[in-house]
Amino acid sequence: MNKRIGAIAIVVAAVAATSGLFAGPSNSAANNSTDGYCKVPFCIVRLTRTGPSPSDVKMHAANRLLFSNLDSVAHTVVFANGLCSKTIHPGGHWVRCKNDFPVFVGSYAYTVDGRFPGTVVTTPLRRVVTLTARTHDIRRRARLTLHGRVSFGCPRCLGPDGMHYVSVIVLARSGSKHPFQPIATVNPRYLAKVQGRWKLTVQPDVTTTYIAKVKGQLPQGRIWTSAKSRRLTVRIRR
């Protein structure tokens, strides 16, 4: 798959499902929400004679940014990072940057007609990882399966190769004075588009504390927060 197409594909399907909303400028409240975030899978900035409205947009990662020109003259949007420059003509049509870089975490400054500033701030989606086992008390060197789930809240977030890039890192330490060290990386088995199940068999010979972490991101950019499970201590039975 072409990498550029793969990067764009992150949220295409989600927006396509709501493409009927693109028919006109009636969705005037698309950016309104009680927490200051766009509350739909896309954020709309309207270009006016006095600049972008709203000029400052805050959205969660994987949302799409769209510009609409309801004025009677064309307006040009230029992002400071050089990744997007668009001249948008009147008519109320929705226009986006082709590489969709604002879907990734970051702060993106732009200008309209070289005069009016605007900013898009994209914040990460929350992830959760859990860790449990059937018992916390085993004989020395007995086999025990650690397991849990990963929730990553983005059904369309895929890399260019169609992978989620959501792996679980299991860390362990023996004794409270020792640092945690990674012992394995596990790829979850996906139960649904936003959740996976993972497991790892261990055979501790001393009392050991485990933690599961998730840190991976898509190769195109950051989408999620990092996540860490609660600690699980496995005691050795005398």
C-alpha atoms as a PDB file:
ATOM      1  CA  MET A   1       0.000   0.000   0.000  1.00  0.00           C
ATOM      2  CA  ASN A   2       1.212   3.479  -0.822  1.00  0.00           C
ATOM      3  CA  LYS A   3       2.370   5.086   2.449  1.00  0.00           C
ATOM      4  CA  ARG A   4       0.632   8.387   1.750  1.00  0.00           C
ATOM      5  CA  ILE A   5      -2.634   6.608   1.024  1.00  0.00           C
ATOM      6  CA  GLY A   6      -2.159   4.517   4.144  1.00  0.00           C
ATOM      7  CA  ALA A   7      -1.690   7.606   6.300  1.00  0.00           C
ATOM      8  CA  ILE A   8      -4.812   9.214   4.902  1.00  0.00           C
ATOM      9  CA  ALA A   9      -6.792   5.994   5.434  1.00  0.00           C
ATOM     10  CA  ILE A  10      -6.683   6.405   9.221  1.00  0.00           C
ATOM     11  CA  VAL A  11     -10.025   8.142   9.388  1.00  0.00           C
ATOM     12  CA  VAL A  12     -11.419   8.013   5.846  1.00  0.00           C
ATOM     13  CA  ALA A  13     -13.918   5.290   6.637  1.00  0.00           C
ATOM     14  CA  ALA A  14     -15.170   7.067   9.744  1.00  0.00           C
ATOM     15  CA  VAL A  15     -15.835  10.257   7.805  1.00  0.00           C
ATOM     16  CA  ALA A  16     -17.295   8.420   4.808  1.00  0.00           C
ATOM     17  CA  ALA A  17     -19.946   6.986   7.102  1.00  0.00           C
ATOM     18  CA  THR A  18     -21.140  10.505   7.807  1.00  0.00           C
ATOM     19  CA  SER A  19     -20.623  11.927   4.316  1.00  0.00           C
ATOM     20  CA  GLY A  20     -24.249  12.961   4.162  1.00  0.00           C
ATOM     21  CA  LEU A  21     -23.349  15.779   6.559  1.00  0.00           C
ATOM     22  CA  PHE A  22     -21.115  17.318   3.897  1.00  0.00           C
ATOM     23  CA  ALA A  23     -23.988  18.422   1.730  1.00  0.00           C
ATOM     24  CA  GLY A  24     -24.109  22.000   2.947  1.00  0.00           C
ATOM     25  CA  PRO A  25     -23.356  24.587   5.637  1.00  0.00           C
ATOM     26  CA  SER A  26     -26.265  23.645   7.889  1.00  0.00           C
ATOM     27  CA  ASN A  27     -24.009  21.946  10.460  1.00  0.00           C
ATOM     28  CA  SER A  28     -23.206  25.267  12.122  1.00  0.00           C
ATOM     29  CA  ALA A  29     -22.695  23.789  15.598  1.00  0.00           C
ATOM     30  CA  ALA A  30     -20.140  21.154  14.551  1.00  0.00           C
ATOM     31  CA  ASN A  31     -17.400  22.610  16.730  1.00  0.00           C
ATOM     32  CA  ASN A  32     -19.518  23.281  19.808  1.00  0.00           C
ATOM     33  CA  SER A  33     -19.031  21.169  22.923  1.00  0.00           C
ATOM     34  CA  THR A  34     -19.025  21.662  26.660  1.00  0.00           C
ATOM     35  CA  ASP A  35     -15.361  20.662  27.071  1.00  0.00           C
ATOM     36  CA  GLY A  36     -14.000  22.838  24.254  1.00  0.00           C
ATOM     37  CA  TYR A  37     -13.386  19.920  21.866  1.00  0.00           C
ATOM     38  CA  CYS A  38     -14.980  19.186  18.522  1.00  0.00           C
ATOM     39  CA  LYS A  39     -17.541  16.526  19.348  1.00  0.00           C
ATOM     40  CA  VAL A  40     -17.874  14.834  15.957  1.00  0.00           C
ATOM     41  CA  PRO A  41     -15.348  12.895  13.796  1.00  0.00           C
ATOM     42  CA  PHE A  42     -14.446  16.124  12.022  1.00  0.00           C
ATOM     43  CA  CYS A  43     -13.838  19.766  12.947  1.00  0.00           C
ATOM     44  CA  ILE A  44     -15.002  22.564  10.670  1.00  0.00           C
ATOM     45  CA  VAL A  45     -13.283  25.941  10.362  1.00  0.00           C
ATOM     46  CA  ARG A  46     -15.238  28.532   8.397  1.00  0.00           C
ATOM     47  CA  LEU A  47     -13.346  31.150   6.417  1.00  0.00           C
ATOM     48  CA  THR A  48     -14.764  34.670   6.616  1.00  0.00           C
ATOM     49  CA  ARG A  49     -13.724  38.189   5.661  1.00  0.00           C
ATOM     50  CA  THR A  50     -12.330  38.676   9.154  1.00  0.00           C
ATOM     51  CA  GLY A  51     -10.431  35.406   9.387  1.00  0.00           C
ATOM     52  CA  PRO A  52     -11.059  31.787  10.409  1.00  0.00           C
ATOM     53  CA  SER A  53     -13.974  30.937  12.677  1.00  0.00           C
ATOM     54  CA  PRO A  54     -13.121  29.537  15.126  1.00  0.00           C
ATOM     55  CA  SER A  55      -9.511  30.671  14.956  1.00  0.00           C
ATOM     56  CA  ASP A  56      -8.430  28.203  17.669  1.00  0.00           C
ATOM     57  CA  VAL A  57      -9.544  24.588  17.396  1.00  0.00           C
ATOM     58  CA  LYS A  58      -8.969  21.817  19.913  1.00  0.00           C
ATOM     59  CA  MET A  59      -9.670  18.277  18.796  1.00  0.00           C
ATOM     60  CA  HIS A  60      -8.884  14.699  19.739  1.00  0.00           C
ATOM     61  CA  ALA A  61      -6.487  12.705  17.581  1.00  0.00           C
ATOM     62  CA  ALA A  62      -8.043  10.890  14.590  1.00  0.00           C
ATOM     63  CA  ASN A  63     -10.601  13.684  14.063  1.00  0.00           C
ATOM     64  CA  ARG A  64     -10.377  15.383  10.688  1.00  0.00           C
ATOM     65  CA  LEU A  65      -9.953  19.104  10.075  1.00  0.00           C
ATOM     66  CA  LEU A  66     -12.097  20.652   7.328  1.00  0.00           C
ATOM     67  CA  PHE A  67     -12.235  24.196   5.966  1.00  0.00           C
ATOM     68  CA  SER A  68     -15.350  25.766   4.493  1.00  0.00           C
ATOM     69  CA  ASN A  69     -15.510  29.085   2.616  1.00  0.00           C
ATOM     70  CA  LEU A  70     -18.887  30.742   2.958  1.00  0.00           C
ATOM     71  CA  ASP A  71     -17.516  34.130   1.829  1.00  0.00           C
ATOM     72  CA  SER A  72     -17.902  35.564  -1.663  1.00  0.00           C
ATOM     73  CA  VAL A  73     -14.146  35.555  -2.413  1.00  0.00           C
ATOM     74  CA  ALA A  74     -11.443  32.883  -2.303  1.00  0.00           C
ATOM     75  CA  HIS A  75      -9.231  32.473   0.792  1.00  0.00           C
ATOM     76  CA  THR A  76      -5.838  30.784   1.102  1.00  0.00           C
ATOM     77  CA  VAL A  77      -4.870  28.651   4.093  1.00  0.00           C
ATOM     78  CA  VAL A  78      -1.131  28.066   4.671  1.00  0.00           C
ATOM     79  CA  PHE A  79       0.219  25.939   7.538  1.00  0.00           C
ATOM     80  CA  ALA A  80       3.474  27.072   9.140  1.00  0.00           C
ATOM     81  CA  ASN A  81       4.997  23.565   8.936  1.00  0.00           C
ATOM     82  CA  GLY A  82       4.820  23.697   5.140  1.00  0.00           C
ATOM     83  CA  LEU A  83       2.706  20.554   4.866  1.00  0.00           C
ATOM     84  CA  CYS A  84      -0.435  22.176   3.529  1.00  0.00           C
ATOM     85  CA  SER A  85      -1.368  25.177   1.390  1.00  0.00           C
ATOM     86  CA  LYS A  86      -4.922  25.439   0.079  1.00  0.00           C
ATOM     87  CA  THR A  87      -6.810  28.096  -1.856  1.00  0.00           C
ATOM     88  CA  ILE A  88     -10.452  27.562  -1.007  1.00  0.00           C
ATOM     89  CA  HIS A  89     -13.081  29.045  -3.273  1.00  0.00           C
ATOM     90  CA  PRO A  90     -16.575  30.200  -2.262  1.00  0.00           C
ATOM     91  CA  GLY A  91     -19.415  27.749  -2.215  1.00  0.00           C
ATOM     92  CA  GLY A  92     -19.514  26.118   1.189  1.00  0.00           C
ATOM     93  CA  HIS A  93     -17.635  22.952   0.150  1.00  0.00           C
ATOM     94  CA  TRP A  94     -15.515  21.170   2.757  1.00  0.00           C
ATOM     95  CA  VAL A  95     -11.771  21.060   1.974  1.00  0.00           C
ATOM     96  CA  ARG A  96      -9.006  19.289   3.916  1.00  0.00           C
ATOM     97  CA  CYS A  97      -5.240  18.909   3.748  1.00  0.00           C
ATOM     98  CA  LYS A  98      -4.579  15.826   1.630  1.00  0.00           C
ATOM     99  CA  ASN A  99      -2.030  14.296   4.010  1.00  0.00           C
ATOM    100  CA  ASP A 100      -4.340  14.795   7.013  1.00  0.00           C
ATOM    101  CA  PHE A 101      -1.420  15.557   9.366  1.00  0.00           C
ATOM    102  CA  PRO A 102      -3.629  17.381  11.939  1.00  0.00           C
ATOM    103  CA  VAL A 103      -5.117  13.995  12.940  1.00  0.00           C
ATOM    104  CA  PHE A 104      -1.861  13.331  14.842  1.00  0.00           C
ATOM    105  CA  VAL A 105      -0.989  14.864  18.209  1.00  0.00           C
ATOM    106  CA  GLY A 106       0.572  18.321  17.970  1.00  0.00           C
ATOM    107  CA  SER A 107       0.008  22.059  17.685  1.00  0.00           C
ATOM    108  CA  TYR A 108      -0.432  23.327  14.126  1.00  0.00           C
ATOM    109  CA  ALA A 109      -0.313  27.048  13.330  1.00  0.00           C
ATOM    110  CA  TYR A 110      -1.608  28.443  10.062  1.00  0.00           C
ATOM    111  CA  THR A 111      -2.619  31.732   8.451  1.00  0.00           C
ATOM    112  CA  VAL A 112      -5.505  32.723   6.221  1.00  0.00           C
ATOM    113  CA  ASP A 113      -4.544  35.079   3.363  1.00  0.00           C
ATOM    114  CA  GLY A 114      -1.240  35.709   5.164  1.00  0.00           C
ATOM    115  CA  ARG A 115      -2.989  37.963   7.674  1.00  0.00           C
ATOM    116  CA  PHE A 116      -5.266  36.044   9.994  1.00  0.00           C
ATOM    117  CA  PRO A 117      -3.713  33.469  12.372  1.00  0.00           C
ATOM    118  CA  GLY A 118      -5.240  30.178  13.368  1.00  0.00           C
ATOM    119  CA  THR A 119      -4.165  27.194  15.474  1.00  0.00           C
ATOM    120  CA  VAL A 120      -5.189  23.565  15.666  1.00  0.00           C
ATOM    121  CA  VAL A 121      -4.266  21.653  18.838  1.00  0.00           C
ATOM    122  CA  THR A 122      -4.659  17.873  18.593  1.00  0.00           C
ATOM    123  CA  THR A 123      -4.615  15.892  21.847  1.00  0.00           C
ATOM    124  CA  PRO A 124      -4.058  12.118  22.256  1.00  0.00           C
ATOM    125  CA  LEU A 125      -6.741   9.494  22.669  1.00  0.00           C
ATOM    126  CA  ARG A 126      -6.759   7.618  25.976  1.00  0.00           C
ATOM    127  CA  ARG A 127      -5.577   4.009  26.151  1.00  0.00           C
ATOM    128  CA  VAL A 128      -6.092   1.481  28.947  1.00  0.00           C
ATOM    129  CA  VAL A 129      -4.194  -1.744  29.684  1.00  0.00           C
ATOM    130  CA  THR A 130      -5.088  -4.240  32.410  1.00  0.00           C
ATOM    131  CA  LEU A 131      -3.105  -7.017  34.098  1.00  0.00           C
ATOM    132  CA  THR A 132      -4.392  -9.946  36.155  1.00  0.00           C
ATOM    133  CA  ALA A 133      -3.796 -13.654  36.894  1.00  0.00           C
ATOM    134  CA  ARG A 134      -5.789 -16.540  38.380  1.00  0.00           C
ATOM    135  CA  THR A 135      -3.710 -16.430  41.584  1.00  0.00           C
ATOM    136  CA  HIS A 136      -1.080 -14.328  43.354  1.00  0.00           C
ATOM    137  CA  ASP A 137       0.412 -17.280  45.238  1.00  0.00           C
ATOM    138  CA  ILE A 138       2.280 -20.132  43.450  1.00  0.00           C
ATOM    139  CA  ARG A 139       5.027 -22.673  44.006  1.00  0.00           C
ATOM    140  CA  ARG A 140       8.552 -21.819  42.877  1.00  0.00           C
ATOM    141  CA  ARG A 141       8.961 -22.116  39.090  1.00  0.00           C
ATOM    142  CA  ALA A 142       5.306 -23.000  38.588  1.00  0.00           C
ATOM    143  CA  ARG A 143       3.739 -21.746  35.354  1.00  0.00           C
ATOM    144  CA  LEU A 144       1.379 -18.799  35.659  1.00  0.00           C
ATOM    145  CA  THR A 145      -0.420 -16.977  32.844  1.00  0.00           C
ATOM    146  CA  LEU A 146      -0.581 -13.208  33.108  1.00  0.00           C
ATOM    147  CA  HIS A 147      -3.323 -11.715  30.984  1.00  0.00           C
ATOM    148  CA  GLY A 148      -5.323  -8.568  30.366  1.00  0.00           C
ATOM    149  CA  ARG A 149      -6.964  -6.322  27.821  1.00  0.00           C
ATOM    150  CA  VAL A 150      -5.971  -3.242  25.866  1.00  0.00           C
ATOM    151  CA  SER A 151      -8.504  -0.580  24.880  1.00  0.00           C
ATOM    152  CA  PHE A 152      -7.277   2.013  22.398  1.00  0.00           C
ATOM    153  CA  GLY A 153     -10.404   3.893  21.313  1.00  0.00           C
ATOM    154  CA  CYS A 154      -9.829   4.314  17.566  1.00  0.00           C
ATOM    155  CA  PRO A 155     -11.319   1.674  15.232  1.00  0.00           C
ATOM    156  CA  ARG A 156      -9.801   3.249  12.098  1.00  0.00           C
ATOM    157  CA  CYS A 157      -6.301   3.989  13.414  1.00  0.00           C
ATOM    158  CA  LEU A 158      -4.060   1.791  11.281  1.00  0.00           C
ATOM    159  CA  GLY A 159      -0.546   2.078   9.920  1.00  0.00           C
ATOM    160  CA  PRO A 160       0.271   1.927   6.186  1.00  0.00           C
ATOM    161  CA  ASP A 161       0.509  -1.866   6.472  1.00  0.00           C
ATOM    162  CA  GLY A 162      -2.902  -2.220   8.130  1.00  0.00           C
ATOM    163  CA  MET A 163      -1.470  -2.869  11.626  1.00  0.00           C
ATOM    164  CA  HIS A 164      -2.638  -1.271  14.890  1.00  0.00           C
ATOM    165  CA  TYR A 165       0.903  -0.971  16.345  1.00  0.00           C
ATOM    166  CA  VAL A 166      -0.534  -1.624  19.809  1.00  0.00           C
ATOM    167  CA  SER A 167       1.841  -3.955  21.696  1.00  0.00           C
ATOM    168  CA  VAL A 168       1.980  -4.724  25.412  1.00  0.00           C
ATOM    169  CA  ILE A 169       5.338  -4.507  27.208  1.00  0.00           C
ATOM    170  CA  VAL A 170       5.500  -6.615  30.362  1.00  0.00           C
ATOM    171  CA  LEU A 171       7.980  -5.497  33.025  1.00  0.00           C
ATOM    172  CA  ALA A 172       9.026  -7.273  36.218  1.00  0.00           C
ATOM    173  CA  ARG A 173      11.096  -6.762  39.335  1.00  0.00           C
ATOM    174  CA  SER A 174      12.053  -8.919  42.331  1.00  0.00           C
ATOM    175  CA  GLY A 175      12.204  -6.901  45.540  1.00  0.00           C
ATOM    176  CA  SER A 176      11.102  -3.334  46.043  1.00  0.00           C
ATOM    177  CA  LYS A 177      14.644  -1.967  45.686  1.00  0.00           C
ATOM    178  CA  HIS A 178      15.118  -3.246  42.157  1.00  0.00           C
ATOM    179  CA  PRO A 179      13.943  -1.317  39.093  1.00  0.00           C
ATOM    180  CA  PHE A 180      11.355  -2.743  36.725  1.00  0.00           C
ATOM    181  CA  GLN A 181      12.886  -4.383  33.661  1.00  0.00           C
ATOM    182  CA  PRO A 182      11.067  -5.393  30.455  1.00  0.00           C
ATOM    183  CA  ILE A 183      10.788  -9.167  30.087  1.00  0.00           C
ATOM    184  CA  ALA A 184       8.530  -9.539  27.019  1.00  0.00           C
ATOM    185  CA  THR A 185       6.581  -7.710  24.320  1.00  0.00           C
ATOM    186  CA  VAL A 186       3.208  -9.223  23.456  1.00  0.00           C
ATOM    187  CA  ASN A 187       0.979  -8.468  20.479  1.00  0.00           C
ATOM    188  CA  PRO A 188      -2.693  -8.551  21.552  1.00  0.00           C
ATOM    189  CA  ARG A 189      -5.291 -10.684  19.822  1.00  0.00           C
ATOM    190  CA  TYR A 190      -7.968  -8.243  18.724  1.00  0.00           C
ATOM    191  CA  LEU A 191     -11.473  -8.921  20.019  1.00  0.00           C
ATOM    192  CA  ALA A 192     -12.979  -5.831  18.428  1.00  0.00           C
ATOM    193  CA  LYS A 193     -11.809  -2.807  16.495  1.00  0.00           C
ATOM    194  CA  VAL A 194     -10.952  -0.912  19.670  1.00  0.00           C
ATOM    195  CA  GLN A 195      -9.915  -3.689  22.027  1.00  0.00           C
ATOM    196  CA  GLY A 196      -7.466  -6.570  22.246  1.00  0.00           C
ATOM    197  CA  ARG A 197      -6.641  -9.411  24.652  1.00  0.00           C
ATOM    198  CA  TRP A 198      -3.092 -10.356  25.632  1.00  0.00           C
ATOM    199  CA  LYS A 199      -1.432 -13.092  27.714  1.00  0.00           C
ATOM    200  CA  LEU A 200       2.036 -14.176  28.797  1.00  0.00           C
ATOM    201  CA  THR A 201       3.174 -17.284  30.707  1.00  0.00           C
ATOM    202  CA  VAL A 202       5.823 -16.726  33.399  1.00  0.00           C
ATOM    203  CA  GLN A 203       7.669 -19.038  35.828  1.00  0.00           C
ATOM    204  CA  PRO A 204       9.025 -16.882  38.680  1.00  0.00           C
ATOM    205  CA  ASP A 205      11.423 -18.458  41.165  1.00  0.00           C
ATOM    206  CA  VAL A 206      11.187 -15.573  43.645  1.00  0.00           C
ATOM    207  CA  THR A 207       8.410 -13.181  44.624  1.00  0.00           C
ATOM    208  CA  THR A 208       7.999 -10.923  41.594  1.00  0.00           C
ATOM    209  CA  THR A 209       5.960  -7.819  40.785  1.00  0.00           C
ATOM    210  CA  TYR A 210       4.718  -7.262  37.224  1.00  0.00           C
ATOM    211  CA  ILE A 211       3.435  -4.253  35.288  1.00  0.00           C
ATOM    212  CA  ALA A 212       2.002  -4.047  31.767  1.00  0.00           C
ATOM    213  CA  LYS A 213       2.597  -0.949  29.626  1.00  0.00           C
ATOM    214  CA  VAL A 214       1.506   0.243  26.202  1.00  0.00           C
ATOM    215  CA  LYS A 215       3.586   2.920  24.476  1.00  0.00           C
ATOM    216  CA  GLY A 216       3.598   2.194  20.728  1.00  0.00           C
ATOM    217  CA  GLN A 217       2.302   4.685  18.172  1.00  0.00           C
ATOM    218  CA  LEU A 218       1.493   4.605  14.482  1.00  0.00           C
ATOM    219  CA  PRO A 219       4.559   5.189  12.259  1.00  0.00           C
ATOM    220  CA  GLN A 220       2.899   8.295  10.792  1.00  0.00           C
ATOM    221  CA  GLY A 221       2.603  10.077  14.136  1.00  0.00           C
ATOM    222  CA  ARG A 222       1.278   9.993  17.673  1.00  0.00           C
ATOM    223  CA  ILE A 223      -2.367   9.099  18.291  1.00  0.00           C
ATOM    224  CA  TRP A 224      -2.629   7.707  21.845  1.00  0.00           C
ATOM    225  CA  THR A 225      -1.523   8.307  25.394  1.00  0.00           C
ATOM    226  CA  SER A 226       0.824   5.814  26.996  1.00  0.00           C
ATOM    227  CA  ALA A 227      -0.864   3.454  29.455  1.00  0.00           C
ATOM    228  CA  LYS A 228       0.219   1.426  32.487  1.00  0.00           C
ATOM    229  CA  SER A 229      -1.596  -1.282  34.429  1.00  0.00           C
ATOM    230  CA  ARG A 230      -1.780  -1.745  38.172  1.00  0.00           C
ATOM    231  CA  ARG A 231       1.027  -3.729  39.735  1.00  0.00           C
ATOM    232  CA  LEU A 232       0.560  -7.450  40.240  1.00  0.00           C
ATOM    233  CA  THR A 233       2.753  -9.215  42.815  1.00  0.00           C
ATOM    234  CA  VAL A 234       3.155 -12.995  42.578  1.00  0.00           C
ATOM    235  CA  ARG A 235       4.379 -14.537  45.825  1.00  0.00           C
ATOM    236  CA  ILE A 236       6.289 -17.792  46.039  1.00  0.00           C
ATOM    237  CA  ARG A 237       4.752 -20.379  48.329  1.00  0.00           C
ATOM    238  CA  ARG A 238       7.155 -21.919  50.859  1.00  0.00           C
END
